[in-house]
Amino acid sequence: MCDVSQNMDTVSLSRRLRQAGRPCVLIVMGVSGCGKSTVAHLIAERLGWPVIEGDDLHTENNIDLMSRGIPLTDADRAPWLDRIADQVKAWGAQRQCGIVTCSSLKREYRERIANGSQDVCFVYLKGSKEDIAPRLQQRTGHFMPATMLDSQFETLEEPDMHEEVVMALDVTAPQEHLAEQACAHLAQLSA
């Protein structure tokens, strides 16, 4: 087991997560290019949980808008968020754990996805525009252009570390380390 006390600079747990205990669903969140897919898959490998790419649940219209550099509105995002919420509910009904990647930029989006469940934890990949922009510019094969990063940060409402069930990870740390530390912290929470 890793010594989590030495890694508080890369991982922090919200008060609500500590109270809720070990979650069964993780929503790996953050702005485009922060590493959601990579970190989600690294965590999934360690936990043996399935991963669903939130991008795969977007409507064709949303993908078209983002591909053209047009930021989504709340109305555009609504069907996408509902699809993610439906997956979370399905896992809960099946008593199955899982991970979804989803930007979850606003608190209302996170509330819509979790639907009040304490079993849903948002794993926030936190970083500055300066940390994330170089990664986004190097990414290939994704519909979201690097030029949309500004709108992502404008929309972002960082999770409340007192009121939301969240684990924040510092994106400047190596992704393998973040996954390892996330799992170590989860293991220490009461079941």
Foldseek 3Di string as FASTA:
>chain_A
DDDLVVVVVFKDWFPLQLVLFFAQEEAEAAFPQLCSVPLQVLLCVVVVAAEDELVVQADPVCLVCQLVVHDDDPVNCVSSLQVLLVVVVVCVVVVHGHYYYDHCQDPVSVCSNCVPDSNYEYEYADDDCVLRLVSQCPDPDGSHHSVNRVVSVVSHDDDDSHPGGYMYGHSVDDSNVRSVSVVVVNVPTDD
